[in-house]
Amino acid sequence: MSSSTPSAPAAFQKGNTALITGGASGIGLALAKRLLSYGLRVLIADKDISSLSSLSSSPDLLTFEMDVSNLESWTRLKSHIDDVFHGQLNVLALNAGRYIPTSFSNPDPTNFYETMQTNLFGVINGVTTLLPLVQATAKEDGKGKKGAKGAVIITGSKQGITNPPANPAYNASKAAVRSLAEHLSFDLAKEHPDVSVHLLVPGWTFTGMTGAATSGAQKEKPKGAWWPEQVVDYLEEKMKEGKFYAICPDNDVTEDMDKRRMVWAMGDVVENRPPLTRWRPEWKEKAEEGINKLDV
């Protein structure tokens, strides 16, 4: 038996189907194009009407306008998947997210609510509504035979792991997403092992959320950032290796440095240091020295 790495993740097979939220641009669109190249039928769900309308619809690429924070929209989406994919769903990619400023100095909590509704409940709504379709698809192929492998891909953030100060709502939403994804992976490993779960944690990526133009003139990509396609490359490799975590480096931050920073962050808890020592002025030199000395 060959021990070579498969050419594509098990769920990325020709004839399979996929749903990608936030798929009209950035990492979501790069993933959609990759899946199309493997012969999957892809449904992109997004609330950006302009970006959706710019996509070239085809029998294999379908679009659906929705707001992931709205549960009724998910009910409509499930009905649409029943119609266009006959209830088949092999890949569920919950990628939609938003980054809006939040601060405890602002007495209006609206941005906190809106961040949580999209980043956290957009994932919860997606899992509770569509996971049964992924499980059923992996269980049977429609002829009573065992179905193809399924995959749930959830987009997180390094800010949900190391918690850098600046945007408490965004960090908290992504920390909660990480926790939910870990629970889902644990539960499905026992109950539905044919459905894998993967937490995609991009590094600095040149997307609309991080400064890339979504209309008008294209801005120049910073040297330190990755293209969305590089993020998808990394995700694929981790999926083929059977890994849950796909914590992407970028052109500025290596995998080794990411590990050091994550270990240091957890050290605040284990060693009962003040929280977020990495960013405290009185801890700056000690934190840098400690991170560099860590053996990971």
Protein backbone atom coordinates (compact mmCIF):
# COMPACT_ATOMS: atom_id res chain seq x y z
CA MET A 1 0.00 0.00 0.00
CA SER A 2 1.34 3.42 -0.92
CA SER A 3 2.11 5.78 1.93
CA SER A 4 2.17 8.84 -0.33
CA THR A 5 0.09 11.89 0.55
CA PRO A 6 -3.27 11.99 -1.28
CA SER A 7 -3.55 14.54 -4.07
CA ALA A 8 -6.58 16.18 -2.45
CA PRO A 9 -8.38 15.97 0.90
CA ALA A 10 -10.86 13.11 1.06
CA ALA A 11 -13.90 15.41 0.91
CA PHE A 12 -12.56 17.36 -2.08
CA GLN A 13 -13.56 14.76 -4.67
CA LYS A 14 -15.18 15.24 -8.07
CA GLY A 15 -18.95 15.11 -7.87
CA ASN A 16 -19.07 16.26 -4.25
CA THR A 17 -20.79 19.45 -3.17
CA ALA A 18 -19.75 22.35 -0.95
CA LEU A 19 -21.23 25.37 0.75
CA ILE A 20 -18.95 28.32 1.57
CA THR A 21 -20.19 31.27 3.62
CA GLY A 22 -18.43 34.55 3.02
CA GLY A 23 -17.33 32.98 -0.23
CA ALA A 24 -17.70 35.90 -2.61
CA SER A 25 -14.22 37.26 -1.91
CA GLY A 26 -10.94 36.62 -0.11
CA ILE A 27 -10.18 33.22 1.39
CA GLY A 28 -13.71 31.98 0.77
CA LEU A 29 -13.50 32.70 -2.95
CA ALA A 30 -10.03 31.15 -3.17
CA LEU A 31 -11.42 27.99 -1.56
CA ALA A 32 -14.37 27.99 -3.95
CA LYS A 33 -12.07 28.17 -6.96
CA ARG A 34 -9.95 25.33 -5.59
CA LEU A 35 -12.97 23.11 -5.07
CA LEU A 36 -14.25 23.89 -8.56
CA SER A 37 -10.87 22.84 -9.95
CA TYR A 38 -11.38 19.44 -8.31
CA GLY A 39 -14.79 19.04 -9.90
CA LEU A 40 -17.02 19.90 -6.95
CA ARG A 41 -20.27 21.81 -7.24
CA VAL A 42 -20.00 24.89 -5.05
CA LEU A 43 -22.64 27.12 -3.51
CA ILE A 44 -21.35 30.49 -2.31
CA ALA A 45 -23.40 32.27 0.34
CA ASP A 46 -22.66 35.92 1.05
CA LYS A 47 -24.48 39.12 1.94
CA ASP A 48 -22.34 41.26 -0.38
CA ILE A 49 -24.66 41.57 -3.36
CA SER A 50 -22.08 43.37 -5.46
CA SER A 51 -19.44 40.67 -4.97
CA LEU A 52 -21.96 37.92 -5.61
CA SER A 53 -23.14 39.54 -8.85
CA SER A 54 -19.56 39.78 -10.09
CA LEU A 55 -19.17 35.99 -10.01
CA SER A 56 -19.78 33.99 -13.14
CA SER A 57 -22.62 31.63 -12.35
CA SER A 58 -22.48 28.17 -13.88
CA PRO A 59 -23.98 24.74 -13.26
CA ASP A 60 -21.09 24.10 -10.85
CA LEU A 61 -20.94 27.54 -9.20
CA LEU A 62 -24.10 28.80 -7.56
CA THR A 63 -24.71 31.84 -5.36
CA PHE A 64 -27.08 32.66 -2.54
CA GLU A 65 -27.58 36.01 -0.84
CA MET A 66 -27.90 35.74 2.94
CA ASP A 67 -26.85 37.14 6.29
CA VAL A 68 -25.29 34.37 8.40
CA SER A 69 -26.45 36.07 11.60
CA ASN A 70 -30.08 35.56 10.60
CA LEU A 71 -31.42 32.10 11.45
CA GLU A 72 -34.32 32.40 9.02
CA SER A 73 -31.79 32.87 6.23
CA TRP A 74 -30.29 29.51 7.14
CA THR A 75 -33.70 27.86 6.86
CA ARG A 76 -34.02 29.30 3.36
CA LEU A 77 -30.50 28.17 2.51
CA LYS A 78 -31.18 24.60 3.64
CA SER A 79 -34.25 24.48 1.41
CA HIS A 80 -32.14 25.79 -1.47
CA ILE A 81 -29.51 23.09 -0.91
CA ASP A 82 -32.28 20.50 -0.91
CA ASP A 83 -33.36 21.84 -4.29
CA VAL A 84 -30.04 22.36 -6.09
CA PHE A 85 -27.93 19.62 -4.47
CA HIS A 86 -30.81 17.25 -3.60
CA GLY A 87 -29.74 17.46 0.03
CA GLN A 88 -26.17 16.35 -0.67
CA LEU A 89 -23.52 18.34 1.20
CA ASN A 90 -19.97 17.07 1.52
CA VAL A 91 -18.10 20.22 2.52
CA LEU A 92 -19.43 22.85 4.91
CA ALA A 93 -17.07 25.86 5.08
CA LEU A 94 -18.16 28.43 7.65
CA ASN A 95 -15.93 31.31 6.66
CA ALA A 96 -18.07 34.47 6.94
CA GLY A 97 -16.78 37.03 9.39
CA ARG A 98 -16.50 40.72 10.08
CA TYR A 99 -14.10 43.03 11.85
CA ILE A 100 -15.62 46.20 13.26
CA PRO A 101 -14.12 48.35 16.04
CA THR A 102 -15.14 47.64 19.62
CA SER A 103 -14.01 49.24 22.86
CA PHE A 104 -15.15 49.21 26.46
CA SER A 105 -14.88 53.00 26.42
CA ASN A 106 -17.82 53.16 24.02
CA PRO A 107 -21.13 53.06 25.95
CA ASP A 108 -22.96 51.73 22.87
CA PRO A 109 -22.57 47.92 22.69
CA THR A 110 -24.01 47.63 19.17
CA ASN A 111 -20.71 46.65 17.57
CA PHE A 112 -20.22 43.95 20.22
CA TYR A 113 -23.60 42.44 19.36
CA GLU A 114 -23.06 42.64 15.62
CA THR A 115 -19.60 41.07 15.86
CA MET A 116 -20.92 38.16 17.89
CA GLN A 117 -23.97 37.70 15.67
CA THR A 118 -21.82 37.28 12.56
CA ASN A 119 -18.61 35.68 13.81
CA LEU A 120 -20.02 33.40 16.49
CA PHE A 121 -23.69 32.81 15.73
CA GLY A 122 -22.94 32.65 12.03
CA VAL A 123 -21.00 29.48 12.88
CA ILE A 124 -23.54 28.16 15.37
CA ASN A 125 -26.39 28.71 12.91
CA GLY A 126 -24.47 26.96 10.17
CA VAL A 127 -23.53 23.92 12.22
CA THR A 128 -26.97 23.39 13.76
CA THR A 129 -28.77 23.86 10.44
CA LEU A 130 -26.52 22.03 7.98
CA LEU A 131 -24.42 19.52 9.90
CA PRO A 132 -27.24 16.93 9.61
CA LEU A 133 -26.94 17.15 5.82
CA VAL A 134 -23.17 16.59 5.95
CA GLN A 135 -23.62 13.63 8.29
CA ALA A 136 -26.34 12.09 6.15
CA THR A 137 -24.29 12.57 2.98
CA ALA A 138 -21.28 10.84 4.54
CA LYS A 139 -23.48 8.02 5.80
CA GLU A 140 -25.10 7.12 2.49
CA ASP A 141 -24.62 7.90 -1.18
CA GLY A 142 -28.32 7.81 -1.99
CA LYS A 143 -28.24 4.12 -2.97
CA GLY A 144 -27.85 2.74 0.51
CA LYS A 145 -24.07 2.56 0.16
CA LYS A 146 -21.52 4.29 2.33
CA GLY A 147 -21.08 7.89 1.20
CA ALA A 148 -18.04 10.05 0.55
CA LYS A 149 -16.10 11.65 3.38
CA GLY A 150 -17.47 14.90 4.75
CA ALA A 151 -15.64 17.93 6.11
CA VAL A 152 -16.54 20.96 8.20
CA ILE A 153 -14.10 23.87 7.86
CA ILE A 154 -14.43 26.73 10.33
CA THR A 155 -12.43 29.93 9.96
CA GLY A 156 -10.95 31.22 13.20
CA SER A 157 -8.24 33.76 13.97
CA LYS A 158 -4.95 33.98 15.83
CA GLN A 159 -6.59 36.79 17.76
CA GLY A 160 -8.86 34.17 19.26
CA ILE A 161 -5.79 32.33 20.58
CA THR A 162 -3.26 34.96 21.70
CA ASN A 163 -5.83 37.72 22.36
CA PRO A 164 -3.90 40.87 21.39
CA PRO A 165 -5.49 44.03 22.86
CA ALA A 166 -7.39 46.31 20.46
CA ASN A 167 -10.72 44.66 19.60
CA PRO A 168 -12.23 42.70 22.52
CA ALA A 169 -15.38 41.61 20.69
CA TYR A 170 -13.54 40.24 17.67
CA ASN A 171 -11.06 38.36 19.87
CA ALA A 172 -13.82 36.96 22.06
CA SER A 173 -15.88 35.87 19.06
CA LYS A 174 -12.96 34.01 17.53
CA ALA A 175 -11.97 32.45 20.87
CA ALA A 176 -15.52 31.13 21.15
CA VAL A 177 -15.38 29.84 17.57
CA ARG A 178 -12.19 27.95 18.38
CA SER A 179 -13.84 26.39 21.45
CA LEU A 180 -16.92 25.35 19.47
CA ALA A 181 -14.82 23.85 16.67
CA GLU A 182 -12.78 21.84 19.19
CA HIS A 183 -15.96 20.50 20.79
CA LEU A 184 -17.42 19.64 17.40
CA SER A 185 -14.27 17.76 16.42
CA PHE A 186 -14.34 15.79 19.66
CA ASP A 187 -18.01 14.88 19.32
CA LEU A 188 -17.86 13.86 15.66
CA ALA A 189 -14.71 11.78 16.10
CA LYS A 190 -16.80 9.33 18.08
CA GLU A 191 -20.28 9.78 16.64
CA HIS A 192 -19.53 10.47 12.94
CA PRO A 193 -15.88 9.68 12.15
CA ASP A 194 -16.51 10.08 8.42
CA VAL A 195 -16.97 13.82 8.95
CA SER A 196 -13.74 15.63 9.78
CA VAL A 197 -13.53 19.07 11.37
CA HIS A 198 -10.80 21.63 10.66
CA LEU A 199 -10.08 25.00 12.26
CA LEU A 200 -8.54 27.32 9.67
CA VAL A 201 -6.54 30.08 11.34
CA PRO A 202 -5.11 32.41 8.69
CA GLY A 203 -2.05 34.51 9.27
CA TRP A 204 -1.77 37.96 7.76
CA THR A 205 -3.72 37.55 4.53
CA PHE A 206 -4.40 40.13 1.82
CA THR A 207 -8.21 40.25 1.77
CA GLY A 208 -10.95 42.85 1.89
CA MET A 209 -10.98 42.56 5.69
CA THR A 210 -7.29 43.41 5.91
CA GLY A 211 -7.04 46.18 3.35
CA ALA A 212 -7.33 44.68 -0.13
CA ALA A 213 -9.64 46.64 -2.38
CA THR A 214 -13.06 45.11 -2.90
CA SER A 215 -13.94 47.68 -5.56
CA GLY A 216 -12.03 50.20 -7.59
CA ALA A 217 -8.26 50.14 -7.86
CA GLN A 218 -6.44 47.15 -6.39
CA LYS A 219 -4.06 48.05 -3.59
CA GLU A 220 -0.59 46.55 -3.49
CA LYS A 221 -0.19 43.47 -1.31
CA PRO A 222 2.16 44.06 1.66
CA LYS A 223 5.27 41.90 1.50
CA GLY A 224 4.48 40.26 4.83
CA ALA A 225 1.01 39.09 3.83
CA TRP A 226 -0.05 35.88 2.11
CA TRP A 227 -2.44 35.65 -0.80
CA PRO A 228 -5.74 33.87 -0.02
CA GLU A 229 -4.66 31.06 -2.35
CA GLN A 230 -1.65 30.37 -0.11
CA VAL A 231 -3.97 30.00 2.86
CA VAL A 232 -6.01 27.43 0.93
CA ASP A 233 -2.80 25.58 -0.02
CA TYR A 234 -1.88 25.33 3.66
CA LEU A 235 -5.39 24.23 4.64
CA GLU A 236 -5.30 21.49 2.04
CA GLU A 237 -2.00 20.13 3.31
CA LYS A 238 -3.23 20.00 6.89
CA MET A 239 -6.47 18.33 5.83
CA LYS A 240 -4.56 15.69 3.88
CA GLU A 241 -2.49 15.06 7.01
CA GLY A 242 -5.69 14.59 8.99
CA LYS A 243 -5.02 17.63 11.18
CA PHE A 244 -7.65 19.69 12.98
CA TYR A 245 -5.58 22.85 13.35
CA ALA A 246 -4.45 24.72 10.24
CA ILE A 247 -2.62 27.65 11.83
CA CYS A 248 -1.10 29.46 8.89
CA PRO A 249 2.18 31.33 8.95
CA ASP A 250 2.74 34.28 6.64
CA ASN A 251 5.73 36.06 5.14
CA ASP A 252 6.47 37.83 8.44
CA VAL A 253 5.60 35.22 11.08
CA THR A 254 6.90 31.65 10.93
CA GLU A 255 5.18 28.54 12.26
CA ASP A 256 7.83 28.39 14.97
CA MET A 257 7.13 31.95 16.11
CA ASP A 258 3.38 31.29 16.16
CA LYS A 259 3.97 28.33 18.46
CA ARG A 260 6.20 30.37 20.77
CA ARG A 261 3.64 33.15 21.03
CA MET A 262 0.82 30.70 21.79
CA VAL A 263 2.86 28.94 24.48
CA TRP A 264 3.79 32.27 26.05
CA ALA A 265 0.13 33.38 26.07
CA MET A 266 -0.92 30.22 27.91
CA GLY A 267 1.96 30.80 30.31
CA ASP A 268 0.16 33.89 31.59
CA VAL A 269 -2.50 31.52 32.94
CA VAL A 270 -0.24 28.70 34.10
CA GLU A 271 2.23 30.99 35.84
CA ASN A 272 -0.46 33.39 37.11
CA ARG A 273 1.12 36.37 35.39
CA PRO A 274 -0.96 39.43 34.49
CA PRO A 275 -3.02 38.80 31.35
CA LEU A 276 -1.61 39.82 27.98
CA THR A 277 1.95 40.28 29.27
CA ARG A 278 3.27 40.27 25.71
CA TRP A 279 1.77 43.72 25.17
CA ARG A 280 2.34 45.27 28.60
CA PRO A 281 5.15 47.87 28.56
CA GLU A 282 6.58 46.66 31.88
CA TRP A 283 6.73 43.09 30.53
CA LYS A 284 7.89 43.83 26.97
CA GLU A 285 11.57 42.91 27.33
CA LYS A 286 10.90 39.90 29.55
CA ALA A 287 8.21 38.63 27.18
CA GLU A 288 10.43 38.97 24.11
CA GLU A 289 13.27 37.20 25.89
CA GLY A 290 10.97 34.48 27.18
CA ILE A 291 9.39 33.85 23.79
CA ASN A 292 12.78 33.58 22.12
CA LYS A 293 14.01 31.08 24.73
CA LEU A 294 11.00 28.78 24.54
CA ASP A 295 11.68 25.27 23.32
CA VAL A 296 8.84 24.29 21.01
